[in-house]
Amino acid sequence: MKARLHEIIYEADTRAGKLFDLMLLLSIFLSVVAVMLDSVTSIRRVHGEFLIGVEWFFTILFTIEYILRLYSIGRPLRYATSFFGLVDLLAIAPTYLSLLIPGSQYLIVIRILRVLRIFRVLKLVQFVSEANLLMRAVRASSRKMIVFLFTVLTMVVIFGALMYLIEGEENGFTSIPRSIYWAIVTLTTVGYGDISPQSAFGQAIAAVVMIMGFSIIAVPTGMVTAELTRGMNHKISTQACPQCSAEGHESGAKYCKDCGAKL
């Protein structure tokens, strides 16, 4: 029974597994729509009780799914503390927590807890194989990204301090941190316009920072794209380890790449 449940819940290479994923995707979308509608005052005033009933229906449904996920895996604690395990818990916890907060003076807190149910949309990630490929590409390029971000941080500190010296407080650059904020906004090509250089020298430096921003934006994109291209050359199956729930195994793999359990 555990093996059958694991095949249906964690894998998508069988008809039952695909049907389970499809039903779960539909449930997630409907529950998120219910949360959105519940935030509209006019709709909540008329259909509030119905939306509460819908919420409890999906909460019970996701609770059963969460329990079955823990039951059908060899190491339930590892799944419970994983990213998707925490997302599954976050999908059901706010509704139950709202029952533990009595008194009308806490209604605002209950509303905040109910809004947290919107995070159910994060459960969608585990049903998209391309998302797993993207996550692996980001992890593979993480060290390069850290070096890149440190370089950008150094640049914005230098440009911020330089603009503070050139423009000064009279032009809105009242401190180095505020000047660094301007450098970040300009380098990322956001350009809020709340602070802008007034002197010719300051505007010239701003132009340099803007031009650099175009090339800097392309760097992390190129890093991730290179890892994505490399990852596409390896065929990945939908199998999940029955012991630790690890995914991303290559097609034809016999054993888990993390714990060594037989797939």
C-alpha atoms as a PDB file:
ATOM      1  CA  MET A   1       0.000   0.000   0.000  1.00  0.00           C
ATOM      2  CA  LYS A   2       2.809   2.432   0.869  1.00  0.00           C
ATOM      3  CA  ALA A   3       4.590   1.677  -2.397  1.00  0.00           C
ATOM      4  CA  ARG A   4       1.383   2.211  -4.376  1.00  0.00           C
ATOM      5  CA  LEU A   5       0.621   5.487  -2.596  1.00  0.00           C
ATOM      6  CA  HIS A   6       4.190   6.681  -3.173  1.00  0.00           C
ATOM      7  CA  GLU A   7       3.910   5.933  -6.877  1.00  0.00           C
ATOM      8  CA  ILE A   8       0.647   7.867  -7.156  1.00  0.00           C
ATOM      9  CA  ILE A   9       1.570  10.856  -4.975  1.00  0.00           C
ATOM     10  CA  TYR A  10       5.254  11.430  -5.760  1.00  0.00           C
ATOM     11  CA  GLU A  11       5.639  10.233  -9.345  1.00  0.00           C
ATOM     12  CA  ALA A  12       3.973  11.285 -12.581  1.00  0.00           C
ATOM     13  CA  ASP A  13       4.892   8.513 -15.014  1.00  0.00           C
ATOM     14  CA  THR A  14       1.698   6.513 -14.424  1.00  0.00           C
ATOM     15  CA  ARG A  15      -1.919   7.245 -15.263  1.00  0.00           C
ATOM     16  CA  ALA A  16      -2.894   7.356 -11.584  1.00  0.00           C
ATOM     17  CA  GLY A  17       0.018   9.684 -10.793  1.00  0.00           C
ATOM     18  CA  LYS A  18      -0.890  12.066 -13.595  1.00  0.00           C
ATOM     19  CA  LEU A  19      -4.538  12.084 -12.520  1.00  0.00           C
ATOM     20  CA  PHE A  20      -3.528  12.795  -8.916  1.00  0.00           C
ATOM     21  CA  ASP A  21      -1.317  15.696  -9.988  1.00  0.00           C
ATOM     22  CA  LEU A  22      -4.075  17.085 -12.204  1.00  0.00           C
ATOM     23  CA  MET A  23      -6.644  16.973  -9.396  1.00  0.00           C
ATOM     24  CA  LEU A  24      -4.199  18.520  -6.950  1.00  0.00           C
ATOM     25  CA  LEU A  25      -3.338  21.317  -9.391  1.00  0.00           C
ATOM     26  CA  LEU A  26      -7.027  22.070  -9.819  1.00  0.00           C
ATOM     27  CA  SER A  27      -7.564  22.074  -6.053  1.00  0.00           C
ATOM     28  CA  ILE A  28      -4.665  24.472  -5.522  1.00  0.00           C
ATOM     29  CA  PHE A  29      -5.963  26.893  -8.141  1.00  0.00           C
ATOM     30  CA  LEU A  30      -9.497  26.819  -6.738  1.00  0.00           C
ATOM     31  CA  SER A  31      -8.305  27.314  -3.157  1.00  0.00           C
ATOM     32  CA  VAL A  32      -6.144  30.287  -4.153  1.00  0.00           C
ATOM     33  CA  VAL A  33      -9.081  31.808  -6.075  1.00  0.00           C
ATOM     34  CA  ALA A  34     -11.228  31.391  -2.953  1.00  0.00           C
ATOM     35  CA  VAL A  35      -8.625  33.245  -0.878  1.00  0.00           C
ATOM     36  CA  MET A  36      -8.535  36.069  -3.431  1.00  0.00           C
ATOM     37  CA  LEU A  37     -12.329  36.363  -3.496  1.00  0.00           C
ATOM     38  CA  ASP A  38     -12.407  36.340   0.314  1.00  0.00           C
ATOM     39  CA  SER A  39     -10.238  39.468   0.312  1.00  0.00           C
ATOM     40  CA  VAL A  40     -12.876  41.426  -1.646  1.00  0.00           C
ATOM     41  CA  THR A  41     -15.181  43.073   0.901  1.00  0.00           C
ATOM     42  CA  SER A  42     -18.320  43.100  -1.262  1.00  0.00           C
ATOM     43  CA  ILE A  43     -17.967  39.408  -2.152  1.00  0.00           C
ATOM     44  CA  ARG A  44     -17.115  38.396   1.417  1.00  0.00           C
ATOM     45  CA  ARG A  45     -20.181  40.227   2.726  1.00  0.00           C
ATOM     46  CA  VAL A  46     -22.509  38.219   0.462  1.00  0.00           C
ATOM     47  CA  HIS A  47     -20.727  34.867   0.110  1.00  0.00           C
ATOM     48  CA  GLY A  48     -18.619  34.815   3.274  1.00  0.00           C
ATOM     49  CA  GLU A  49     -20.097  31.629   4.714  1.00  0.00           C
ATOM     50  CA  PHE A  50     -19.771  29.793   1.410  1.00  0.00           C
ATOM     51  CA  LEU A  51     -16.111  30.812   1.085  1.00  0.00           C
ATOM     52  CA  ILE A  52     -15.444  29.615   4.646  1.00  0.00           C
ATOM     53  CA  GLY A  53     -16.967  26.255   3.729  1.00  0.00           C
ATOM     54  CA  VAL A  54     -14.820  26.080   0.585  1.00  0.00           C
ATOM     55  CA  GLU A  55     -11.750  26.920   2.643  1.00  0.00           C
ATOM     56  CA  TRP A  56     -12.399  24.152   5.154  1.00  0.00           C
ATOM     57  CA  PHE A  57     -13.023  21.685   2.341  1.00  0.00           C
ATOM     58  CA  PHE A  58      -9.644  22.382   0.777  1.00  0.00           C
ATOM     59  CA  THR A  59      -7.931  22.496   4.170  1.00  0.00           C
ATOM     60  CA  ILE A  60      -9.189  18.998   4.996  1.00  0.00           C
ATOM     61  CA  LEU A  61      -8.279  17.809   1.496  1.00  0.00           C
ATOM     62  CA  PHE A  62      -4.712  19.138   1.751  1.00  0.00           C
ATOM     63  CA  THR A  63      -4.413  17.773   5.296  1.00  0.00           C
ATOM     64  CA  ILE A  64      -5.220  14.273   4.038  1.00  0.00           C
ATOM     65  CA  GLU A  65      -2.714  14.717   1.212  1.00  0.00           C
ATOM     66  CA  TYR A  66      -0.025  15.875   3.669  1.00  0.00           C
ATOM     67  CA  ILE A  67      -0.607  12.889   5.963  1.00  0.00           C
ATOM     68  CA  LEU A  68      -0.491  10.474   3.007  1.00  0.00           C
ATOM     69  CA  ARG A  69       2.774  12.024   1.823  1.00  0.00           C
ATOM     70  CA  LEU A  70       4.331  11.456   5.239  1.00  0.00           C
ATOM     71  CA  TYR A  71       2.900   7.933   5.473  1.00  0.00           C
ATOM     72  CA  SER A  72       4.045   6.761   2.040  1.00  0.00           C
ATOM     73  CA  ILE A  73       7.689   7.767   2.409  1.00  0.00           C
ATOM     74  CA  GLY A  74      10.466   5.996   4.271  1.00  0.00           C
ATOM     75  CA  ARG A  75      11.834   9.123   5.975  1.00  0.00           C
ATOM     76  CA  PRO A  76       8.844  11.349   6.786  1.00  0.00           C
ATOM     77  CA  LEU A  77      10.853  13.784   8.913  1.00  0.00           C
ATOM     78  CA  ARG A  78      13.152  14.569   6.013  1.00  0.00           C
ATOM     79  CA  TYR A  79      10.205  15.403   3.790  1.00  0.00           C
ATOM     80  CA  ALA A  80       8.493  17.404   6.539  1.00  0.00           C
ATOM     81  CA  THR A  81      11.568  19.639   6.883  1.00  0.00           C
ATOM     82  CA  SER A  82      12.160  19.993   3.134  1.00  0.00           C
ATOM     83  CA  PHE A  83      11.016  22.983   1.090  1.00  0.00           C
ATOM     84  CA  PHE A  84       7.938  21.271  -0.306  1.00  0.00           C
ATOM     85  CA  GLY A  85       7.139  19.725   3.078  1.00  0.00           C
ATOM     86  CA  LEU A  86       7.122  23.161   4.699  1.00  0.00           C
ATOM     87  CA  VAL A  87       5.005  24.538   1.850  1.00  0.00           C
ATOM     88  CA  ASP A  88       2.496  21.713   2.354  1.00  0.00           C
ATOM     89  CA  LEU A  89       2.361  22.525   6.064  1.00  0.00           C
ATOM     90  CA  LEU A  90       1.977  26.242   5.374  1.00  0.00           C
ATOM     91  CA  ALA A  91      -0.948  25.432   3.080  1.00  0.00           C
ATOM     92  CA  ILE A  92      -3.017  24.017   5.949  1.00  0.00           C
ATOM     93  CA  ALA A  93      -1.640  25.549   9.164  1.00  0.00           C
ATOM     94  CA  PRO A  94      -3.219  29.068   8.944  1.00  0.00           C
ATOM     95  CA  THR A  95      -6.775  27.734   8.884  1.00  0.00           C
ATOM     96  CA  TYR A  96      -6.207  25.619  12.000  1.00  0.00           C
ATOM     97  CA  LEU A  97      -4.315  28.432  13.742  1.00  0.00           C
ATOM     98  CA  SER A  98      -7.272  30.767  13.237  1.00  0.00           C
ATOM     99  CA  LEU A  99      -9.328  28.484  15.523  1.00  0.00           C
ATOM    100  CA  LEU A 100      -6.851  28.994  18.372  1.00  0.00           C
ATOM    101  CA  ILE A 101      -7.238  32.783  18.452  1.00  0.00           C
ATOM    102  CA  PRO A 102     -10.556  33.624  20.162  1.00  0.00           C
ATOM    103  CA  GLY A 103     -12.068  37.074  20.652  1.00  0.00           C
ATOM    104  CA  SER A 104     -13.184  39.719  18.201  1.00  0.00           C
ATOM    105  CA  GLN A 105     -10.189  41.897  19.011  1.00  0.00           C
ATOM    106  CA  TYR A 106      -8.001  39.374  17.183  1.00  0.00           C
ATOM    107  CA  LEU A 107      -9.951  39.387  13.925  1.00  0.00           C
ATOM    108  CA  ILE A 108      -7.204  41.347  12.180  1.00  0.00           C
ATOM    109  CA  VAL A 109      -4.652  38.685  13.123  1.00  0.00           C
ATOM    110  CA  ILE A 110      -6.985  35.981  11.811  1.00  0.00           C
ATOM    111  CA  ARG A 111      -7.238  37.833   8.515  1.00  0.00           C
ATOM    112  CA  ILE A 112      -3.446  37.830   8.252  1.00  0.00           C
ATOM    113  CA  LEU A 113      -3.339  34.086   8.923  1.00  0.00           C
ATOM    114  CA  ARG A 114      -6.006  33.510   6.263  1.00  0.00           C
ATOM    115  CA  VAL A 115      -4.046  35.520   3.709  1.00  0.00           C
ATOM    116  CA  LEU A 116      -1.081  33.193   4.295  1.00  0.00           C
ATOM    117  CA  ARG A 117      -3.077  30.486   2.525  1.00  0.00           C
ATOM    118  CA  ILE A 118      -2.135  32.172  -0.748  1.00  0.00           C
ATOM    119  CA  PHE A 119       1.224  30.405  -0.388  1.00  0.00           C
ATOM    120  CA  ARG A 120      -0.505  27.256  -1.572  1.00  0.00           C
ATOM    121  CA  VAL A 121       0.428  28.454  -5.026  1.00  0.00           C
ATOM    122  CA  LEU A 122       4.019  27.438  -4.167  1.00  0.00           C
ATOM    123  CA  LYS A 123       2.849  23.826  -4.259  1.00  0.00           C
ATOM    124  CA  LEU A 124       2.554  24.209  -8.015  1.00  0.00           C
ATOM    125  CA  VAL A 125       6.325  24.244  -8.402  1.00  0.00           C
ATOM    126  CA  GLN A 126       6.752  20.558  -7.640  1.00  0.00           C
ATOM    127  CA  PHE A 127       4.440  19.577 -10.513  1.00  0.00           C
ATOM    128  CA  VAL A 128       6.459  21.314 -13.220  1.00  0.00           C
ATOM    129  CA  SER A 129       9.492  19.349 -14.370  1.00  0.00           C
ATOM    130  CA  GLU A 130      10.973  22.450 -16.013  1.00  0.00           C
ATOM    131  CA  ALA A 131      10.881  24.183 -12.627  1.00  0.00           C
ATOM    132  CA  ASN A 132      13.110  21.464 -11.179  1.00  0.00           C
ATOM    133  CA  LEU A 133      15.538  21.973 -14.060  1.00  0.00           C
ATOM    134  CA  LEU A 134      15.550  25.718 -13.408  1.00  0.00           C
ATOM    135  CA  MET A 135      16.173  25.193  -9.673  1.00  0.00           C
ATOM    136  CA  ARG A 136      19.114  22.892 -10.421  1.00  0.00           C
ATOM    137  CA  ALA A 137      20.534  25.463 -12.853  1.00  0.00           C
ATOM    138  CA  VAL A 138      20.269  28.221 -10.228  1.00  0.00           C
ATOM    139  CA  ARG A 139      21.971  26.034  -7.614  1.00  0.00           C
ATOM    140  CA  ALA A 140      24.741  25.093 -10.062  1.00  0.00           C
ATOM    141  CA  SER A 141      25.485  28.749 -10.786  1.00  0.00           C
ATOM    142  CA  SER A 142      25.066  29.933  -7.169  1.00  0.00           C
ATOM    143  CA  ARG A 143      28.802  30.422  -6.485  1.00  0.00           C
ATOM    144  CA  LYS A 144      29.229  32.481  -9.638  1.00  0.00           C
ATOM    145  CA  MET A 145      26.142  34.489  -8.703  1.00  0.00           C
ATOM    146  CA  ILE A 146      27.543  35.219  -5.239  1.00  0.00           C
ATOM    147  CA  VAL A 147      30.778  36.554  -6.753  1.00  0.00           C
ATOM    148  CA  PHE A 148      28.747  38.611  -9.232  1.00  0.00           C
ATOM    149  CA  LEU A 149      26.511  40.074  -6.513  1.00  0.00           C
ATOM    150  CA  PHE A 150      29.543  40.929  -4.386  1.00  0.00           C
ATOM    151  CA  THR A 151      31.023  42.769  -7.391  1.00  0.00           C
ATOM    152  CA  VAL A 152      27.774  44.685  -7.922  1.00  0.00           C
ATOM    153  CA  LEU A 153      27.626  45.536  -4.214  1.00  0.00           C
ATOM    154  CA  THR A 154      31.150  46.925  -4.392  1.00  0.00           C
ATOM    155  CA  MET A 155      30.245  49.004  -7.437  1.00  0.00           C
ATOM    156  CA  VAL A 156      27.134  50.562  -5.898  1.00  0.00           C
ATOM    157  CA  VAL A 157      29.068  51.463  -2.735  1.00  0.00           C
ATOM    158  CA  ILE A 158      31.771  53.180  -4.794  1.00  0.00           C
ATOM    159  CA  PHE A 159      29.313  55.019  -7.052  1.00  0.00           C
ATOM    160  CA  GLY A 160      27.144  55.966  -4.081  1.00  0.00           C
ATOM    161  CA  ALA A 161      30.055  57.435  -2.144  1.00  0.00           C
ATOM    162  CA  LEU A 162      31.245  59.247  -5.281  1.00  0.00           C
ATOM    163  CA  MET A 163      27.849  60.816  -5.904  1.00  0.00           C
ATOM    164  CA  TYR A 164      27.615  61.857  -2.263  1.00  0.00           C
ATOM    165  CA  LEU A 165      30.874  63.784  -2.659  1.00  0.00           C
ATOM    166  CA  ILE A 166      29.897  65.330  -6.001  1.00  0.00           C
ATOM    167  CA  GLU A 167      26.244  66.254  -5.441  1.00  0.00           C
ATOM    168  CA  GLY A 168      26.065  66.734  -1.680  1.00  0.00           C
ATOM    169  CA  GLU A 169      23.085  67.209   0.599  1.00  0.00           C
ATOM    170  CA  GLU A 170      21.710  70.197  -1.296  1.00  0.00           C
ATOM    171  CA  ASN A 171      20.837  67.954  -4.272  1.00  0.00           C
ATOM    172  CA  GLY A 172      19.148  65.205  -2.240  1.00  0.00           C
ATOM    173  CA  PHE A 173      22.185  62.977  -1.610  1.00  0.00           C
ATOM    174  CA  THR A 174      21.956  63.500   2.129  1.00  0.00           C
ATOM    175  CA  SER A 175      24.068  60.496   3.137  1.00  0.00           C
ATOM    176  CA  ILE A 176      26.146  57.695   1.680  1.00  0.00           C
ATOM    177  CA  PRO A 177      23.424  55.049   2.315  1.00  0.00           C
ATOM    178  CA  ARG A 178      20.904  57.220   0.461  1.00  0.00           C
ATOM    179  CA  SER A 179      23.413  57.697  -2.342  1.00  0.00           C
ATOM    180  CA  ILE A 180      23.926  53.924  -2.472  1.00  0.00           C
ATOM    181  CA  TYR A 181      20.151  53.568  -2.784  1.00  0.00           C
ATOM    182  CA  TRP A 182      20.297  55.903  -5.809  1.00  0.00           C
ATOM    183  CA  ALA A 183      23.133  53.829  -7.296  1.00  0.00           C
ATOM    184  CA  ILE A 184      21.128  50.591  -6.907  1.00  0.00           C
ATOM    185  CA  VAL A 185      18.017  52.134  -8.489  1.00  0.00           C
ATOM    186  CA  THR A 186      20.059  53.535 -11.375  1.00  0.00           C
ATOM    187  CA  LEU A 187      22.245  50.472 -11.955  1.00  0.00           C
ATOM    188  CA  THR A 188      19.215  48.166 -12.101  1.00  0.00           C
ATOM    189  CA  THR A 189      17.603  50.572 -14.627  1.00  0.00           C
ATOM    190  CA  VAL A 190      14.552  51.005 -12.350  1.00  0.00           C
ATOM    191  CA  GLY A 191      14.870  54.783 -12.176  1.00  0.00           C
ATOM    192  CA  TYR A 192      12.319  55.993  -9.629  1.00  0.00           C
ATOM    193  CA  GLY A 193      13.425  59.584 -10.124  1.00  0.00           C
ATOM    194  CA  ASP A 194      13.045  60.568  -6.462  1.00  0.00           C
ATOM    195  CA  ILE A 195      16.759  61.479  -6.412  1.00  0.00           C
ATOM    196  CA  SER A 196      18.674  62.733  -9.437  1.00  0.00           C
ATOM    197  CA  PRO A 197      22.046  64.445  -9.955  1.00  0.00           C
ATOM    198  CA  GLN A 198      21.945  68.137 -10.826  1.00  0.00           C
ATOM    199  CA  SER A 199      25.559  68.902 -11.717  1.00  0.00           C
ATOM    200  CA  ALA A 200      27.051  68.100 -15.130  1.00  0.00           C
ATOM    201  CA  PHE A 201      29.720  65.864 -13.600  1.00  0.00           C
ATOM    202  CA  GLY A 202      27.126  63.960 -11.567  1.00  0.00           C
ATOM    203  CA  GLN A 203      24.921  63.457 -14.619  1.00  0.00           C
ATOM    204  CA  ALA A 204      27.890  62.140 -16.578  1.00  0.00           C
ATOM    205  CA  ILE A 205      28.585  59.551 -13.877  1.00  0.00           C
ATOM    206  CA  ALA A 206      24.872  58.682 -13.815  1.00  0.00           C
ATOM    207  CA  ALA A 207      24.998  58.044 -17.565  1.00  0.00           C
ATOM    208  CA  VAL A 208      27.924  55.667 -17.074  1.00  0.00           C
ATOM    209  CA  VAL A 209      26.035  53.813 -14.338  1.00  0.00           C
ATOM    210  CA  MET A 210      22.944  53.506 -16.584  1.00  0.00           C
ATOM    211  CA  ILE A 211      24.955  52.061 -19.467  1.00  0.00           C
ATOM    212  CA  MET A 212      26.670  49.620 -17.108  1.00  0.00           C
ATOM    213  CA  GLY A 213      23.251  48.552 -15.865  1.00  0.00           C
ATOM    214  CA  PHE A 214      22.312  47.046 -19.236  1.00  0.00           C
ATOM    215  CA  SER A 215      25.373  44.810 -19.317  1.00  0.00           C
ATOM    216  CA  ILE A 216      25.111  43.857 -15.644  1.00  0.00           C
ATOM    217  CA  ILE A 217      21.525  42.638 -16.028  1.00  0.00           C
ATOM    218  CA  ALA A 218      22.624  40.226 -18.769  1.00  0.00           C
ATOM    219  CA  VAL A 219      25.328  38.554 -16.638  1.00  0.00           C
ATOM    220  CA  PRO A 220      23.141  36.469 -14.254  1.00  0.00           C
ATOM    221  CA  THR A 221      20.847  35.592 -17.153  1.00  0.00           C
ATOM    222  CA  GLY A 222      23.807  34.203 -19.071  1.00  0.00           C
ATOM    223  CA  MET A 223      24.987  32.198 -16.064  1.00  0.00           C
ATOM    224  CA  VAL A 224      21.642  30.502 -15.532  1.00  0.00           C
ATOM    225  CA  THR A 225      21.138  29.962 -19.282  1.00  0.00           C
ATOM    226  CA  ALA A 226      24.496  28.197 -19.555  1.00  0.00           C
ATOM    227  CA  GLU A 227      23.574  25.838 -16.718  1.00  0.00           C
ATOM    228  CA  LEU A 228      20.124  25.281 -18.230  1.00  0.00           C
ATOM    229  CA  THR A 229      21.679  24.301 -21.553  1.00  0.00           C
ATOM    230  CA  ARG A 230      24.014  21.931 -19.776  1.00  0.00           C
ATOM    231  CA  GLY A 231      21.156  20.394 -17.799  1.00  0.00           C
ATOM    232  CA  MET A 232      18.978  19.842 -20.872  1.00  0.00           C
ATOM    233  CA  ASN A 233      21.546  17.382 -22.176  1.00  0.00           C
ATOM    234  CA  HIS A 234      20.657  15.027 -19.299  1.00  0.00           C
ATOM    235  CA  LYS A 235      17.280  13.311 -19.365  1.00  0.00           C
ATOM    236  CA  ILE A 236      15.603  13.511 -15.959  1.00  0.00           C
ATOM    237  CA  SER A 237      12.860  11.091 -14.892  1.00  0.00           C
ATOM    238  CA  THR A 238       9.866  11.884 -12.686  1.00  0.00           C
ATOM    239  CA  GLN A 239      10.832   9.255 -10.118  1.00  0.00           C
ATOM    240  CA  ALA A 240      11.040  10.317  -6.483  1.00  0.00           C
ATOM    241  CA  CYS A 241      12.996   8.347  -3.900  1.00  0.00           C
ATOM    242  CA  PRO A 242      10.630   6.257  -1.706  1.00  0.00           C
ATOM    243  CA  GLN A 243      12.883   6.918   1.303  1.00  0.00           C
ATOM    244  CA  CYS A 244      13.963  10.583   1.192  1.00  0.00           C
ATOM    245  CA  SER A 245      11.647  11.960  -1.575  1.00  0.00           C
ATOM    246  CA  ALA A 246      14.629  13.278  -3.561  1.00  0.00           C
ATOM    247  CA  GLU A 247      13.873  14.021  -7.219  1.00  0.00           C
ATOM    248  CA  GLY A 248      15.878  14.866 -10.316  1.00  0.00           C
ATOM    249  CA  HIS A 249      17.226  11.366 -10.999  1.00  0.00           C
ATOM    250  CA  GLU A 250      18.551  10.652 -14.458  1.00  0.00           C
ATOM    251  CA  SER A 251      16.502   8.427 -16.715  1.00  0.00           C
ATOM    252  CA  GLY A 252      17.397   4.799 -16.077  1.00  0.00           C
ATOM    253  CA  ALA A 253      18.781   5.408 -12.567  1.00  0.00           C
ATOM    254  CA  LYS A 254      18.385   2.411 -10.246  1.00  0.00           C
ATOM    255  CA  TYR A 255      19.318   4.026  -6.940  1.00  0.00           C
ATOM    256  CA  CYS A 256      18.721   7.372  -5.264  1.00  0.00           C
ATOM    257  CA  LYS A 257      21.484   9.916  -5.840  1.00  0.00           C
ATOM    258  CA  ASP A 258      21.120  11.239  -2.266  1.00  0.00           C
ATOM    259  CA  CYS A 259      20.518   8.306   0.085  1.00  0.00           C
ATOM    260  CA  GLY A 260      21.268   5.298  -2.107  1.00  0.00           C
ATOM    261  CA  ALA A 261      17.847   3.691  -1.700  1.00  0.00           C
ATOM    262  CA  LYS A 262      16.534   1.562  -4.549  1.00  0.00           C
ATOM    263  CA  LEU A 263      14.165   3.422  -6.865  1.00  0.00           C
END
